[in-house]
Amino acid sequence: MANPAPLLSFPPRRFSQAAWDDVAQKLSAHFGNRYQTGEALRRQHGHTTTWLENQPPDAVVFATSTEDVVFTVNVCRENRVPIVPFGTGTSLEGHVNAPEGGVCIDLSRKAAIKAINVDDLDCVVEPGVTRKQLNDHLRDVGLFFPLDPGADASLGGMAATRASGTNAVRYGTMKDVVLALEAVMPDGSVIRTGTRARKSSAGYDLTRLLIGSEGTLGIITELTLKLFGVPEAVRGVAATFPTLEAASNAVISTIHYGLPAARIELLDPLTVRAVNAYSDTSFAEAPLLLAEFHGSETAVEEQASIFAALVDDAGGEATDTATTPEERTKLWQARHDAYWAGLQLRPGARGISTDTCVPISRLAESVLQAQAEAERLGFIAPIVGHVGDGNFHVLLLVDPESSEEVDKAETYLSWLNSMAIAAGGTCTGEHGIGQGKQRYLRQELGDAVDVMATIKQAIDPYNLFNPGKVISS
């Protein structure tokens, strides 16, 4: 499917050399050595983990305060220069590319943990704080932040892309754990979208408008997040199955039973083989489910026992139980190593990590179709998934020097996203749209994309905030 035509006719954004000279002079004077224009640094801030073309900004500024962000926005707006926010650079769909040049605002140094409200189970943090940094800070107070997208992403970036990860089946995604945001808007104003109250009926839900907007509507400068009590006990269970359909049936049974699994992850046989070699595990090379349960000692023992019975009913076998922190760490590190393990299946290849999500009743057929199409095109393509909510990832291993393989990869990605949408699912469960999935957004949501474009134009009339992302411009 071809890229759609531009939805709106925005004012021209190609800034003049005089405009850039004014921006460069003002930013350099304000930021000092926190203003950088070196090519290597600019390219690092443009490309990161995506396989898309590197489109670096003209300069990078390292913000340490909301005032820094406001100053940058005002200077850039006066000169019609684009702005791209940056967290840790772990996004996968070209979110931090700068297709029209401009200024990258790196928020990694705006990383204060401002408040931990133990009795209310919430915290206030700046956007550069990573999830691991927050959990390290919380260790002594018996609380934790549950979302785990794998990478040690910044919390601002996780909110901007509506991230989730392995624990989403129990704790939800970023839209479920963010209570309020502070954000700098394209006109330079600073807004707060909510309070620390656990619910509100006050006006439009601006918090969730900004969550997942990928930096196109506002730049997040502070987050108020829900926290959770560290469970008394945690138990992990590994189960193998004769077929992917059997594994999927076990997942469906687990959800229908109401078993409160914190995580349910699927690894296909190819991924299991790679993980065994990379992480020194010894799982049977068959479809594998990794599940985890949180609660009291009695509760998790009962939940693990019920899960084992559901596995047995589906034709599988519960093979390993992890109860100690060391055992659980090894079990889940193997899952988090799946990307790097998969790359070893074809040394020298580039991995293209895809992301689709389907109703769980369509999971088995969707994964089987994804495997079959990859095999038909001649790809090595291991598959993993957060299958408790129907989200799965195909890792295409592609020779980037082969134009034929790259063309086939693009054909496969188009097919995969269309297949997921046709199954009643989405082209992205957690990676976001960015540049890479723009062409599928209208296919999935139809005229709703025009409403998004209207919101974008109203809030950012000069299209300066992360242009070229989410919707065409």
Protein backbone atom coordinates (compact mmCIF):
# COMPACT_ATOMS: atom_id res chain seq x y z
CA MET A 1 0.00 0.00 0.00
CA ALA A 2 1.47 3.36 -1.01
CA ASN A 3 2.02 6.20 1.42
CA PRO A 4 -1.14 8.35 1.56
CA ALA A 5 -1.19 11.90 0.27
CA PRO A 6 -0.67 14.66 2.85
CA LEU A 7 -3.76 15.12 4.98
CA LEU A 8 -3.37 18.87 5.41
CA SER A 9 -1.56 21.72 3.76
CA PHE A 10 0.62 23.10 6.52
CA PRO A 11 2.58 26.36 6.12
CA PRO A 12 6.06 25.86 4.60
CA ARG A 13 8.62 24.61 7.10
CA ARG A 14 11.88 24.89 5.16
CA PHE A 15 13.70 27.44 7.25
CA SER A 16 16.21 29.84 5.78
CA GLN A 17 19.89 30.01 6.64
CA ALA A 18 19.20 33.33 8.37
CA ALA A 19 16.52 31.68 10.49
CA TRP A 20 18.87 28.86 11.43
CA ASP A 21 21.68 31.28 12.26
CA ASP A 22 19.35 33.07 14.67
CA VAL A 23 18.29 29.78 16.32
CA ALA A 24 21.88 28.53 16.55
CA GLN A 25 23.14 31.78 18.08
CA LYS A 26 20.39 31.94 20.71
CA LEU A 27 20.54 28.27 21.66
CA SER A 28 24.34 28.28 21.84
CA ALA A 29 24.27 31.32 24.12
CA HIS A 30 21.60 29.78 26.38
CA PHE A 31 22.89 26.20 26.60
CA GLY A 32 26.66 26.64 26.33
CA ASN A 33 28.30 23.24 25.98
CA ARG A 34 24.86 21.62 26.22
CA TYR A 35 24.36 22.76 22.61
CA GLN A 36 26.06 20.32 20.22
CA THR A 37 26.34 20.06 16.44
CA GLY A 38 28.87 17.23 15.99
CA GLU A 39 27.90 14.86 13.21
CA ALA A 40 28.29 11.63 15.22
CA LEU A 41 26.09 12.94 18.03
CA ARG A 42 23.47 14.24 15.60
CA ARG A 43 23.35 10.93 13.78
CA GLN A 44 23.02 9.07 17.06
CA HIS A 45 19.99 11.19 17.89
CA GLY A 46 18.43 10.62 14.50
CA HIS A 47 18.74 6.92 13.94
CA THR A 48 18.85 4.79 17.11
CA THR A 49 17.34 1.30 16.77
CA THR A 50 15.21 1.72 13.66
CA TRP A 51 16.10 0.26 10.26
CA LEU A 52 14.75 3.38 8.55
CA GLU A 53 17.03 5.92 6.92
CA ASN A 54 19.01 8.07 9.37
CA GLN A 55 17.69 11.64 9.31
CA PRO A 56 19.72 13.59 11.88
CA PRO A 57 18.77 16.98 13.33
CA ASP A 58 20.92 20.07 12.73
CA ALA A 59 21.70 20.40 16.44
CA VAL A 60 21.09 18.72 19.78
CA VAL A 61 20.36 20.55 23.03
CA PHE A 62 20.46 18.85 26.43
CA ALA A 63 17.61 20.23 28.52
CA THR A 64 17.84 20.10 32.32
CA SER A 65 14.73 22.12 33.15
CA THR A 66 11.27 22.92 31.87
CA GLU A 67 12.55 26.45 31.27
CA ASP A 68 15.14 25.04 28.85
CA VAL A 69 12.37 23.38 26.87
CA VAL A 70 10.22 26.52 26.84
CA PHE A 71 13.18 28.62 25.68
CA THR A 72 13.96 26.19 22.84
CA VAL A 73 10.32 26.00 21.73
CA ASN A 74 9.96 29.77 21.66
CA VAL A 75 13.19 30.32 19.70
CA CYS A 76 12.31 27.60 17.19
CA ARG A 77 8.73 28.77 16.78
CA GLU A 78 9.85 32.31 15.99
CA ASN A 79 11.99 30.92 13.17
CA ARG A 80 9.69 28.04 12.08
CA VAL A 81 12.36 25.45 12.91
CA PRO A 82 11.20 21.88 13.75
CA ILE A 83 11.77 20.27 17.17
CA VAL A 84 12.19 16.56 17.90
CA PRO A 85 12.11 15.32 21.54
CA PHE A 86 14.50 12.51 22.55
CA GLY A 87 14.60 10.24 25.60
CA THR A 88 16.95 7.26 25.42
CA GLY A 89 16.54 6.41 21.74
CA THR A 90 15.04 2.92 22.14
CA SER A 91 12.03 3.48 19.87
CA LEU A 92 11.73 1.32 16.78
CA GLU A 93 9.65 3.22 14.22
CA GLY A 94 11.75 6.29 13.42
CA HIS A 95 10.20 8.46 16.13
CA VAL A 96 13.38 10.49 16.67
CA ASN A 97 14.37 11.01 13.05
CA ALA A 98 14.41 14.63 11.90
CA PRO A 99 13.19 14.49 8.28
CA GLU A 100 13.10 18.28 8.03
CA GLY A 101 16.16 18.94 10.17
CA GLY A 102 15.86 21.27 13.13
CA VAL A 103 16.63 20.85 16.83
CA CYS A 104 16.59 17.68 18.91
CA ILE A 105 15.74 18.29 22.57
CA ASP A 106 17.48 15.53 24.54
CA LEU A 107 15.66 15.12 27.87
CA SER A 108 17.89 12.42 29.34
CA ARG A 109 19.49 14.91 31.77
CA LYS A 110 16.13 16.11 33.04
CA ALA A 111 15.97 13.10 35.30
CA ALA A 112 14.96 14.04 38.85
CA ILE A 113 12.69 11.86 40.97
CA LYS A 114 10.77 14.71 42.57
CA ALA A 115 8.39 12.94 44.96
CA ILE A 116 7.49 9.45 46.18
CA ASN A 117 4.10 9.37 47.90
CA VAL A 118 4.19 5.98 49.60
CA ASP A 119 0.73 6.09 51.19
CA ASP A 120 -0.89 7.16 47.91
CA LEU A 121 1.16 4.75 45.74
CA ASP A 122 2.27 7.40 43.28
CA CYS A 123 5.33 9.39 42.32
CA VAL A 124 6.34 12.50 40.41
CA VAL A 125 9.31 12.18 38.04
CA GLU A 126 10.99 14.04 35.23
CA PRO A 127 10.93 12.51 31.72
CA GLY A 128 14.58 11.43 31.58
CA VAL A 129 14.20 9.00 34.49
CA THR A 130 14.33 5.42 33.21
CA ARG A 131 12.14 2.64 34.53
CA LYS A 132 15.13 0.85 36.09
CA GLN A 133 16.31 4.02 37.81
CA LEU A 134 12.84 4.49 39.29
CA ASN A 135 12.61 0.91 40.52
CA ASP A 136 16.09 1.10 42.06
CA HIS A 137 14.95 4.22 43.92
CA LEU A 138 11.75 2.50 45.10
CA ARG A 139 13.42 -0.67 46.34
CA ASP A 140 13.60 0.45 49.99
CA VAL A 141 9.98 1.58 50.28
CA GLY A 142 8.27 -1.64 49.12
CA LEU A 143 6.85 -0.22 45.89
CA PHE A 144 7.60 -0.74 42.21
CA PHE A 145 6.72 0.54 38.75
CA PRO A 146 5.52 -2.49 36.77
CA LEU A 147 5.78 -1.62 33.09
CA ASP A 148 8.66 -3.42 31.42
CA PRO A 149 9.12 -2.87 27.67
CA GLY A 150 12.44 -4.72 27.74
CA ALA A 151 14.72 -1.79 27.03
CA ASP A 152 15.59 0.59 29.88
CA ALA A 153 13.52 3.30 28.25
CA SER A 154 12.90 6.76 29.65
CA LEU A 155 9.52 7.24 31.31
CA GLY A 156 8.84 10.32 29.17
CA GLY A 157 9.49 8.31 26.03
CA MET A 158 7.36 5.44 27.30
CA ALA A 159 4.46 7.85 27.82
CA ALA A 160 4.99 9.50 24.44
CA THR A 161 4.78 6.15 22.64
CA ARG A 162 2.17 4.56 24.93
CA ALA A 163 4.59 1.76 25.75
CA SER A 164 3.71 -1.41 27.64
CA GLY A 165 5.65 -4.70 27.65
CA THR A 166 5.62 -7.99 29.49
CA ASN A 167 3.53 -6.96 32.52
CA ALA A 168 0.74 -5.27 30.55
CA VAL A 169 -1.66 -8.20 30.86
CA ARG A 170 -2.03 -7.41 34.58
CA TYR A 171 -0.89 -3.81 35.09
CA GLY A 172 -1.93 -2.24 31.80
CA THR A 173 0.00 0.11 29.51
CA MET A 174 1.28 3.65 30.04
CA LYS A 175 -2.21 5.05 29.49
CA ASP A 176 -3.30 3.13 32.59
CA VAL A 177 -0.51 4.18 34.95
CA VAL A 178 -0.05 7.89 34.16
CA LEU A 179 -2.17 10.09 36.40
CA ALA A 180 -1.03 13.47 35.07
CA LEU A 181 1.52 15.16 32.86
CA GLU A 182 3.27 18.48 32.62
CA ALA A 183 3.99 19.41 29.02
CA VAL A 184 5.34 22.29 26.96
CA MET A 185 3.00 23.05 24.09
CA PRO A 186 3.90 24.40 20.62
CA ASP A 187 2.98 27.97 21.65
CA GLY A 188 5.49 27.79 24.52
CA SER A 189 2.86 27.45 27.25
CA VAL A 190 3.28 24.91 30.06
CA ILE A 191 0.19 22.90 30.97
CA ARG A 192 -0.72 20.31 33.58
CA THR A 193 -3.21 17.71 32.40
CA GLY A 194 -4.41 16.34 35.75
CA THR A 195 -3.80 15.83 39.45
CA ARG A 196 -2.77 13.02 41.77
CA ALA A 197 -6.41 11.95 42.22
CA ARG A 198 -7.08 8.40 41.06
CA LYS A 199 -10.06 9.45 38.96
CA SER A 200 -11.55 12.61 37.54
CA SER A 201 -14.43 13.72 35.34
CA ALA A 202 -12.97 17.20 34.83
CA GLY A 203 -13.04 18.12 31.17
CA TYR A 204 -11.28 16.56 28.22
CA ASP A 205 -8.78 13.82 29.00
CA LEU A 206 -5.67 15.69 27.90
CA THR A 207 -3.42 13.22 29.70
CA ARG A 208 -4.39 10.45 27.35
CA LEU A 209 -4.37 12.76 24.36
CA LEU A 210 -0.66 13.38 24.96
CA ILE A 211 0.11 9.75 25.85
CA GLY A 212 0.90 8.07 22.54
CA SER A 213 1.08 11.34 20.60
CA GLU A 214 4.80 10.66 20.01
CA GLY A 215 5.94 14.22 20.66
CA THR A 216 3.72 15.68 17.92
CA LEU A 217 1.42 17.62 20.27
CA GLY A 218 3.50 18.46 23.33
CA ILE A 219 6.87 17.80 24.98
CA ILE A 220 6.46 15.95 28.28
CA THR A 221 8.47 17.58 31.09
CA GLU A 222 7.01 15.82 34.15
CA LEU A 223 4.94 12.70 34.90
CA THR A 224 2.79 11.63 37.84
CA LEU A 225 2.70 7.83 37.87
CA LYS A 226 0.85 5.10 39.72
CA LEU A 227 2.99 2.71 41.74
CA PHE A 228 2.23 -0.74 43.10
CA GLY A 229 3.18 -2.67 46.20
CA VAL A 230 5.94 -5.23 45.76
CA PRO A 231 4.13 -8.58 45.97
CA GLU A 232 4.92 -10.88 48.85
CA ALA A 233 5.67 -13.72 46.46
CA VAL A 234 6.37 -14.10 42.75
CA ARG A 235 6.35 -17.38 40.87
CA GLY A 236 7.35 -18.05 37.28
CA VAL A 237 6.25 -21.07 35.26
CA ALA A 238 7.59 -22.37 31.94
CA ALA A 239 5.42 -24.65 29.79
CA THR A 240 6.06 -26.33 26.46
CA PHE A 241 3.46 -27.33 23.87
CA PRO A 242 3.28 -29.55 20.79
CA THR A 243 1.84 -26.74 18.66
CA LEU A 244 1.36 -22.99 18.69
CA GLU A 245 -2.39 -23.55 18.65
CA ALA A 246 -2.14 -25.56 21.86
CA ALA A 247 -0.11 -22.79 23.49
CA SER A 248 -2.65 -20.19 22.38
CA ASN A 249 -5.51 -22.29 23.74
CA ALA A 250 -3.76 -22.36 27.11
CA VAL A 251 -3.51 -18.56 27.05
CA ILE A 252 -7.21 -18.20 26.20
CA SER A 253 -8.14 -20.61 28.98
CA THR A 254 -6.00 -18.66 31.44
CA ILE A 255 -7.69 -15.38 30.55
CA HIS A 256 -11.19 -16.90 30.58
CA TYR A 257 -10.55 -18.51 33.95
CA GLY A 258 -9.74 -15.11 35.38
CA LEU A 259 -6.30 -16.19 36.53
CA PRO A 260 -4.43 -12.97 37.39
CA ALA A 261 -1.24 -13.65 35.47
CA ALA A 262 1.23 -10.79 35.60
CA ARG A 263 2.97 -11.94 32.42
CA ILE A 264 2.34 -14.55 29.71
CA GLU A 265 5.00 -14.65 27.01
CA LEU A 266 5.24 -16.88 23.93
CA LEU A 267 8.47 -17.99 22.26
CA ASP A 268 8.26 -19.98 19.04
CA PRO A 269 10.64 -22.95 18.51
CA LEU A 270 13.11 -20.86 16.50
CA THR A 271 13.34 -18.30 19.31
CA VAL A 272 13.75 -21.08 21.89
CA ARG A 273 16.66 -22.50 19.94
CA ALA A 274 18.30 -19.09 19.77
CA VAL A 275 17.72 -18.35 23.47
CA ASN A 276 19.12 -21.73 24.53
CA ALA A 277 22.34 -20.98 22.66
CA TYR A 278 22.61 -17.35 23.76
CA SER A 279 21.38 -17.49 27.38
CA ASP A 280 22.55 -20.99 28.35
CA THR A 281 19.04 -22.32 28.92
CA SER A 282 17.81 -25.81 28.08
CA PHE A 283 14.17 -25.46 27.07
CA ALA A 284 12.71 -28.03 24.67
CA GLU A 285 12.70 -26.62 21.12
CA ALA A 286 8.93 -26.35 21.00
CA PRO A 287 6.41 -23.56 21.50
CA LEU A 288 7.11 -22.17 24.96
CA LEU A 289 4.99 -20.11 27.35
CA LEU A 290 6.59 -18.19 30.21
CA ALA A 291 4.08 -17.06 32.83
CA GLU A 292 4.44 -15.21 36.12
CA PHE A 293 2.10 -14.75 39.07
CA HIS A 294 2.20 -12.11 41.83
CA GLY A 295 0.57 -12.20 45.27
CA SER A 296 0.84 -13.96 48.61
CA GLU A 297 2.71 -17.26 48.97
CA THR A 298 -0.56 -19.16 49.08
CA ALA A 299 -2.08 -17.29 46.16
CA VAL A 300 0.82 -17.70 43.75
CA GLU A 301 1.16 -21.38 44.59
CA GLU A 302 -2.51 -21.89 43.83
CA GLN A 303 -2.34 -19.79 40.64
CA ALA A 304 0.70 -21.67 39.37
CA SER A 305 -1.05 -24.96 40.08
CA ILE A 306 -4.18 -23.90 38.20
CA PHE A 307 -2.07 -22.66 35.29
CA ALA A 308 -0.28 -26.03 35.14
CA ALA A 309 -3.66 -27.76 34.98
CA LEU A 310 -4.81 -25.47 32.15
CA VAL A 311 -1.56 -26.18 30.33
CA ASP A 312 -2.17 -29.91 30.71
CA ASP A 313 -5.74 -29.56 29.41
CA ALA A 314 -4.37 -27.80 26.32
CA GLY A 315 -1.92 -30.65 25.66
CA GLY A 316 1.18 -28.96 27.06
CA GLU A 317 3.48 -29.61 29.98
CA ALA A 318 4.57 -27.27 32.76
CA THR A 319 8.29 -27.99 32.93
CA ASP A 320 9.92 -25.40 35.20
CA THR A 321 8.92 -23.28 38.18
CA ALA A 322 10.95 -20.28 39.27
CA THR A 323 10.43 -19.05 42.82
CA THR A 324 13.74 -17.53 43.93
CA PRO A 325 14.87 -14.14 42.60
CA GLU A 326 17.82 -15.84 40.90
CA GLU A 327 15.61 -18.36 39.11
CA ARG A 328 13.14 -15.69 37.99
CA THR A 329 15.94 -13.42 36.79
CA LYS A 330 17.36 -16.21 34.64
CA LEU A 331 13.92 -17.07 33.27
CA TRP A 332 13.04 -13.52 32.27
CA GLN A 333 16.52 -12.54 31.18
CA ALA A 334 16.21 -15.32 28.62
CA ARG A 335 13.02 -13.66 27.34
CA HIS A 336 14.60 -10.21 27.27
CA ASP A 337 17.63 -11.64 25.45
CA ALA A 338 15.38 -12.89 22.64
CA TYR A 339 16.24 -10.00 20.30
CA TRP A 340 20.01 -10.41 20.68
CA ALA A 341 19.70 -14.19 20.65
CA GLY A 342 17.69 -14.03 17.43
CA LEU A 343 20.40 -12.00 15.70
CA GLN A 344 22.82 -14.90 16.26
CA LEU A 345 20.68 -17.09 14.01
CA ARG A 346 22.13 -15.14 11.08
CA PRO A 347 25.35 -13.34 12.03
CA GLY A 348 25.83 -10.08 10.18
CA ALA A 349 22.13 -9.63 9.43
CA ARG A 350 20.12 -6.67 10.64
CA GLY A 351 17.09 -7.43 12.76
CA ILE A 352 13.81 -5.71 11.93
CA SER A 353 11.54 -5.99 14.96
CA THR A 354 7.88 -5.84 14.00
CA ASP A 355 4.87 -5.29 16.24
CA THR A 356 1.25 -6.29 15.73
CA CYS A 357 -1.60 -7.15 18.08
CA VAL A 358 -4.70 -9.26 17.41
CA PRO A 359 -7.61 -10.56 19.48
CA ILE A 360 -6.29 -13.55 21.43
CA SER A 361 -8.78 -15.85 19.68
CA ARG A 362 -6.95 -15.04 16.41
CA LEU A 363 -3.44 -15.32 17.89
CA ALA A 364 -2.55 -18.88 16.83
CA GLU A 365 -3.67 -18.49 13.22
CA SER A 366 -1.99 -15.09 12.97
CA VAL A 367 1.35 -16.38 14.26
CA LEU A 368 1.16 -19.43 11.98
CA GLN A 369 0.42 -17.21 8.98
CA ALA A 370 3.30 -14.92 9.94
CA GLN A 371 5.65 -17.91 10.10
CA ALA A 372 4.45 -19.33 6.81
CA GLU A 373 4.77 -16.03 4.92
CA ALA A 374 8.27 -15.42 6.28
CA GLU A 375 9.29 -18.92 5.20
CA ARG A 376 7.74 -18.40 1.75
CA LEU A 377 9.84 -15.27 1.29
CA GLY A 378 12.98 -17.06 2.50
CA PHE A 379 13.46 -15.25 5.82
CA ILE A 380 14.73 -16.52 9.13
CA ALA A 381 12.14 -14.91 11.40
CA PRO A 382 11.82 -15.90 15.08
CA ILE A 383 8.60 -14.84 16.84
CA VAL A 384 7.91 -13.79 20.44
CA GLY A 385 4.83 -12.25 21.96
CA HIS A 386 3.11 -10.70 24.96
CA VAL A 387 0.35 -13.14 24.23
CA GLY A 388 -1.80 -12.41 27.28
CA ASP A 389 -3.04 -9.43 25.25
CA GLY A 390 -2.47 -10.79 21.72
CA ASN A 391 0.68 -8.76 20.97
CA PHE A 392 3.45 -10.52 19.02
CA HIS A 393 6.71 -9.56 17.34
CA VAL A 394 8.43 -11.05 14.30
CA LEU A 395 12.19 -10.50 14.07
CA LEU A 396 13.08 -10.43 10.36
CA LEU A 397 16.77 -11.11 9.80
CA VAL A 398 17.74 -9.17 6.69
CA ASP A 399 20.95 -8.51 4.79
CA PRO A 400 20.87 -4.69 4.60
CA GLU A 401 23.24 -4.75 1.60
CA SER A 402 20.80 -6.80 -0.47
CA SER A 403 18.23 -4.59 -2.18
CA GLU A 404 16.24 -7.72 -3.03
CA GLU A 405 15.99 -8.72 0.63
CA VAL A 406 15.12 -5.20 1.71
CA ASP A 407 12.33 -5.10 -0.88
CA LYS A 408 11.06 -8.47 0.35
CA ALA A 409 11.19 -7.23 3.94
CA GLU A 410 9.02 -4.23 3.03
CA THR A 411 6.61 -6.58 1.26
CA TYR A 412 6.46 -8.77 4.36
CA LEU A 413 5.90 -5.86 6.75
CA SER A 414 3.05 -4.56 4.61
CA TRP A 415 1.49 -8.01 4.47
CA LEU A 416 1.88 -8.57 8.22
CA ASN A 417 0.26 -5.28 9.22
CA SER A 418 -2.60 -5.77 6.78
CA MET A 419 -3.13 -9.31 8.06
CA ALA A 420 -3.34 -8.10 11.68
CA ILE A 421 -5.79 -5.33 10.79
CA ALA A 422 -7.96 -7.77 8.82
CA ALA A 423 -8.03 -10.05 11.88
CA GLY A 424 -9.59 -7.25 13.93
CA GLY A 425 -6.25 -6.16 15.37
CA THR A 426 -3.82 -3.29 15.05
CA CYS A 427 -0.64 -2.54 13.15
CA THR A 428 1.08 -1.67 16.44
CA GLY A 429 0.38 -2.90 19.94
CA GLU A 430 3.19 -0.95 21.59
CA HIS A 431 5.89 0.31 19.20
CA GLY A 432 3.84 3.25 17.92
CA ILE A 433 3.38 4.72 14.45
CA GLY A 434 6.34 7.08 14.01
CA GLN A 435 7.43 7.05 10.39
CA GLY A 436 7.49 3.31 9.83
CA LYS A 437 3.77 2.56 10.25
CA GLN A 438 2.14 5.71 8.90
CA ARG A 439 0.88 3.99 5.79
CA TYR A 440 -1.18 1.54 7.87
CA LEU A 441 -2.87 4.04 10.20
CA ARG A 442 -5.64 5.03 7.78
CA GLN A 443 -6.08 1.40 6.78
CA GLU A 444 -6.76 0.65 10.46
CA LEU A 445 -8.72 3.74 11.57
CA GLY A 446 -10.12 5.27 8.39
CA ASP A 447 -11.48 8.80 8.70
CA ALA A 448 -10.45 8.99 12.36
CA VAL A 449 -7.03 9.94 11.00
CA ASP A 450 -8.57 13.17 9.69
CA VAL A 451 -9.72 13.99 13.23
CA MET A 452 -6.15 13.43 14.45
CA ALA A 453 -4.88 15.75 11.73
CA THR A 454 -7.37 18.42 12.77
CA ILE A 455 -6.19 18.21 16.39
CA LYS A 456 -2.58 18.40 15.26
CA GLN A 457 -3.21 21.50 13.15
CA ALA A 458 -5.14 23.22 15.93
CA ILE A 459 -2.44 22.65 18.55
CA ASP A 460 0.63 22.93 16.31
CA PRO A 461 -0.36 25.11 13.32
CA TYR A 462 3.20 25.35 12.00
CA ASN A 463 3.76 21.59 12.37
CA LEU A 464 6.99 22.11 14.29
CA PHE A 465 6.66 19.33 16.89
CA ASN A 466 8.13 16.09 15.53
CA PRO A 467 6.92 16.65 11.95
CA GLY A 468 6.50 13.65 9.70
CA LYS A 469 5.42 11.32 12.52
CA VAL A 470 2.04 9.61 13.12
CA ILE A 471 0.23 11.47 10.32
CA SER A 472 1.61 12.64 7.00
CA SER A 473 2.41 16.33 6.71
